[in-house]
Amino acid sequence: MNSHSHDDFRYRARRSYVEVPERRQTQPVAIRTVSSSALFAGDNEIGIDHGGSLYRLKITRQGKLILNK
């Protein structure tokens, strides 16, 4: 049996309104882009050493990318 009352503060509807600050216009950040053909150089799988761990990036038969640790 539940011992909580619906008058309990956890069950009350939250009706507080928060003023949302106006969003600032920011410039898009340029991201360095590498084509997958240049990255894989004809292979279907590459290894990536990151922080002492080896990750494997693979191209699937459907042409999608999968990253595994």
N, C-alpha and C. Protein backbone atom coordinates (compact mmCIF):
# COMPACT_ATOMS: atom_id res chain seq x y z
N MET A 1 0.85 -1.18 0.00
CA MET A 1 0.00 0.00 0.00
C MET A 1 0.90 1.24 0.00
N ASN A 2 0.50 2.23 -0.76
CA ASN A 2 1.27 3.46 -0.86
C ASN A 2 0.93 4.38 0.31
N SER A 3 1.94 4.83 1.03
CA SER A 3 1.70 5.68 2.20
C SER A 3 1.81 7.16 1.87
N HIS A 4 2.06 7.49 0.59
CA HIS A 4 2.20 8.90 0.21
C HIS A 4 0.84 9.50 -0.12
N SER A 5 0.66 10.71 0.30
CA SER A 5 -0.56 11.45 0.00
C SER A 5 -0.36 12.24 -1.28
N HIS A 6 -1.41 12.41 -2.04
CA HIS A 6 -1.31 13.23 -3.25
C HIS A 6 -1.13 14.70 -2.91
N ASP A 7 -1.31 15.07 -1.66
CA ASP A 7 -1.03 16.44 -1.24
C ASP A 7 0.45 16.64 -0.94
N ASP A 8 1.19 15.56 -0.96
CA ASP A 8 2.63 15.61 -0.72
C ASP A 8 3.28 16.49 -1.78
N PHE A 9 4.32 17.22 -1.41
CA PHE A 9 4.96 18.17 -2.32
C PHE A 9 5.49 17.51 -3.59
N ARG A 10 5.84 16.23 -3.55
CA ARG A 10 6.39 15.55 -4.72
C ARG A 10 5.33 15.32 -5.79
N TYR A 11 4.06 15.36 -5.42
CA TYR A 11 2.98 15.08 -6.37
C TYR A 11 2.30 16.34 -6.87
N ARG A 12 2.65 17.49 -6.33
CA ARG A 12 2.03 18.73 -6.77
C ARG A 12 2.54 19.12 -8.14
N ALA A 13 1.68 19.69 -8.93
CA ALA A 13 2.08 20.17 -10.25
C ALA A 13 3.03 21.35 -10.09
N ARG A 14 4.03 21.37 -10.90
CA ARG A 14 5.00 22.46 -10.85
C ARG A 14 4.47 23.59 -11.75
N ARG A 15 4.21 24.72 -11.13
CA ARG A 15 3.63 25.83 -11.88
C ARG A 15 4.53 27.05 -11.89
N SER A 16 5.76 26.88 -11.53
CA SER A 16 6.66 28.03 -11.53
C SER A 16 7.08 28.33 -12.97
N TYR A 17 7.12 29.57 -13.30
CA TYR A 17 7.52 29.99 -14.63
C TYR A 17 8.93 30.56 -14.56
N VAL A 18 9.76 30.11 -15.46
CA VAL A 18 11.14 30.55 -15.49
C VAL A 18 11.34 31.37 -16.74
N GLU A 19 11.92 32.53 -16.58
CA GLU A 19 12.18 33.38 -17.73
C GLU A 19 13.37 32.81 -18.49
N VAL A 20 13.19 32.58 -19.78
CA VAL A 20 14.24 32.01 -20.62
C VAL A 20 15.07 33.15 -21.19
N PRO A 21 16.39 33.10 -20.99
CA PRO A 21 17.22 34.18 -21.54
C PRO A 21 17.22 34.15 -23.06
N GLU A 22 17.40 35.31 -23.64
CA GLU A 22 17.44 35.43 -25.10
C GLU A 22 18.69 34.76 -25.65
N ARG A 23 18.55 34.06 -26.76
CA ARG A 23 19.70 33.38 -27.36
C ARG A 23 20.55 34.39 -28.10
N ARG A 24 21.87 34.25 -27.92
CA ARG A 24 22.81 35.10 -28.62
C ARG A 24 23.13 34.50 -29.97
N GLN A 25 23.32 35.34 -30.95
CA GLN A 25 23.73 34.88 -32.27
C GLN A 25 25.23 34.59 -32.22
N THR A 26 25.61 33.36 -32.56
CA THR A 26 27.02 32.99 -32.55
C THR A 26 27.44 32.58 -33.94
N GLN A 27 28.71 32.74 -34.21
CA GLN A 27 29.27 32.33 -35.49
C GLN A 27 29.49 30.83 -35.48
N PRO A 28 29.18 30.15 -36.59
CA PRO A 28 29.44 28.71 -36.65
C PRO A 28 30.94 28.43 -36.58
N VAL A 29 31.29 27.36 -35.88
CA VAL A 29 32.68 26.97 -35.71
C VAL A 29 33.07 26.06 -36.87
N ALA A 30 34.20 26.34 -37.48
CA ALA A 30 34.69 25.51 -38.58
C ALA A 30 35.19 24.19 -38.02
N ILE A 31 34.75 23.10 -38.60
CA ILE A 31 35.16 21.77 -38.16
C ILE A 31 36.07 21.18 -39.23
N ARG A 32 37.21 20.68 -38.80
CA ARG A 32 38.14 20.04 -39.73
C ARG A 32 37.46 18.79 -40.27
N THR A 33 37.42 18.65 -41.59
CA THR A 33 36.74 17.53 -42.24
C THR A 33 37.74 16.69 -43.02
N VAL A 34 37.64 15.37 -42.84
CA VAL A 34 38.49 14.42 -43.56
C VAL A 34 37.56 13.46 -44.28
N SER A 35 37.75 13.25 -45.58
CA SER A 35 36.89 12.31 -46.30
C SER A 35 37.20 10.89 -45.86
N SER A 36 36.18 10.04 -45.86
CA SER A 36 36.39 8.66 -45.44
C SER A 36 37.30 7.92 -46.41
N SER A 37 37.27 8.28 -47.68
CA SER A 37 38.15 7.62 -48.65
C SER A 37 39.62 7.94 -48.35
N ALA A 38 39.90 9.16 -47.93
CA ALA A 38 41.28 9.52 -47.56
C ALA A 38 41.66 8.86 -46.24
N LEU A 39 40.73 8.75 -45.33
CA LEU A 39 41.00 8.17 -44.02
C LEU A 39 41.25 6.67 -44.10
N PHE A 40 40.43 5.96 -44.87
CA PHE A 40 40.55 4.51 -44.97
C PHE A 40 41.55 4.07 -46.03
N ALA A 41 41.82 4.90 -47.03
CA ALA A 41 42.80 4.62 -48.09
C ALA A 41 42.62 3.21 -48.69
N GLY A 42 41.37 2.86 -49.03
CA GLY A 42 41.10 1.58 -49.67
C GLY A 42 40.81 0.44 -48.72
N ASP A 43 41.07 0.59 -47.44
CA ASP A 43 40.77 -0.47 -46.46
C ASP A 43 39.34 -0.31 -45.96
N ASN A 44 38.83 -1.34 -45.29
CA ASN A 44 37.49 -1.27 -44.70
C ASN A 44 37.52 -1.07 -43.19
N GLU A 45 38.71 -1.07 -42.61
CA GLU A 45 38.83 -0.93 -41.16
C GLU A 45 40.14 -0.22 -40.84
N ILE A 46 40.07 0.69 -39.84
CA ILE A 46 41.28 1.35 -39.35
C ILE A 46 41.28 1.32 -37.84
N GLY A 47 42.45 1.45 -37.23
CA GLY A 47 42.59 1.53 -35.79
C GLY A 47 42.84 2.96 -35.38
N ILE A 48 42.25 3.36 -34.28
CA ILE A 48 42.44 4.71 -33.75
C ILE A 48 42.92 4.56 -32.31
N ASP A 49 44.11 5.08 -32.02
CA ASP A 49 44.65 5.09 -30.66
C ASP A 49 44.18 6.37 -29.98
N HIS A 50 43.38 6.22 -28.93
CA HIS A 50 42.85 7.38 -28.22
C HIS A 50 42.98 7.17 -26.72
N GLY A 51 43.80 7.96 -26.09
CA GLY A 51 43.96 7.88 -24.64
C GLY A 51 44.45 6.53 -24.16
N GLY A 52 45.29 5.88 -24.96
CA GLY A 52 45.83 4.59 -24.57
C GLY A 52 44.93 3.41 -24.89
N SER A 53 43.76 3.66 -25.47
CA SER A 53 42.84 2.59 -25.88
C SER A 53 42.80 2.52 -27.40
N LEU A 54 42.60 1.32 -27.92
CA LEU A 54 42.51 1.13 -29.36
C LEU A 54 41.05 1.02 -29.75
N TYR A 55 40.62 1.87 -30.66
CA TYR A 55 39.28 1.84 -31.21
C TYR A 55 39.38 1.39 -32.66
N ARG A 56 38.35 0.68 -33.14
CA ARG A 56 38.31 0.22 -34.52
C ARG A 56 37.15 0.90 -35.22
N LEU A 57 37.45 1.56 -36.34
CA LEU A 57 36.43 2.20 -37.15
C LEU A 57 36.28 1.38 -38.42
N LYS A 58 35.05 0.88 -38.66
CA LYS A 58 34.81 -0.03 -39.78
C LYS A 58 33.75 0.53 -40.71
N ILE A 59 33.89 0.21 -42.00
CA ILE A 59 32.85 0.48 -42.98
C ILE A 59 32.06 -0.81 -43.16
N THR A 60 30.74 -0.76 -42.97
CA THR A 60 29.90 -1.94 -43.12
C THR A 60 29.60 -2.20 -44.59
N ARG A 61 28.99 -3.34 -44.86
CA ARG A 61 28.59 -3.67 -46.25
C ARG A 61 27.58 -2.68 -46.79
N GLN A 62 26.80 -2.07 -45.89
CA GLN A 62 25.82 -1.06 -46.30
C GLN A 62 26.42 0.34 -46.44
N GLY A 63 27.75 0.45 -46.17
CA GLY A 63 28.43 1.74 -46.33
C GLY A 63 28.34 2.64 -45.11
N LYS A 64 27.91 2.11 -43.99
CA LYS A 64 27.84 2.91 -42.75
C LYS A 64 29.12 2.71 -41.95
N LEU A 65 29.34 3.62 -41.00
CA LEU A 65 30.52 3.55 -40.14
C LEU A 65 30.15 3.03 -38.76
N ILE A 66 30.99 2.15 -38.21
CA ILE A 66 30.79 1.64 -36.85
C ILE A 66 32.11 1.80 -36.10
N LEU A 67 32.03 2.36 -34.89
CA LEU A 67 33.20 2.54 -34.04
C LEU A 67 33.07 1.60 -32.85
N ASN A 68 34.07 0.73 -32.66
CA ASN A 68 34.10 -0.23 -31.54
C ASN A 68 35.35 0.01 -30.71
N LYS A 69 35.23 -0.25 -29.43
CA LYS A 69 36.40 -0.18 -28.55
C LYS A 69 37.00 -1.54 -28.44
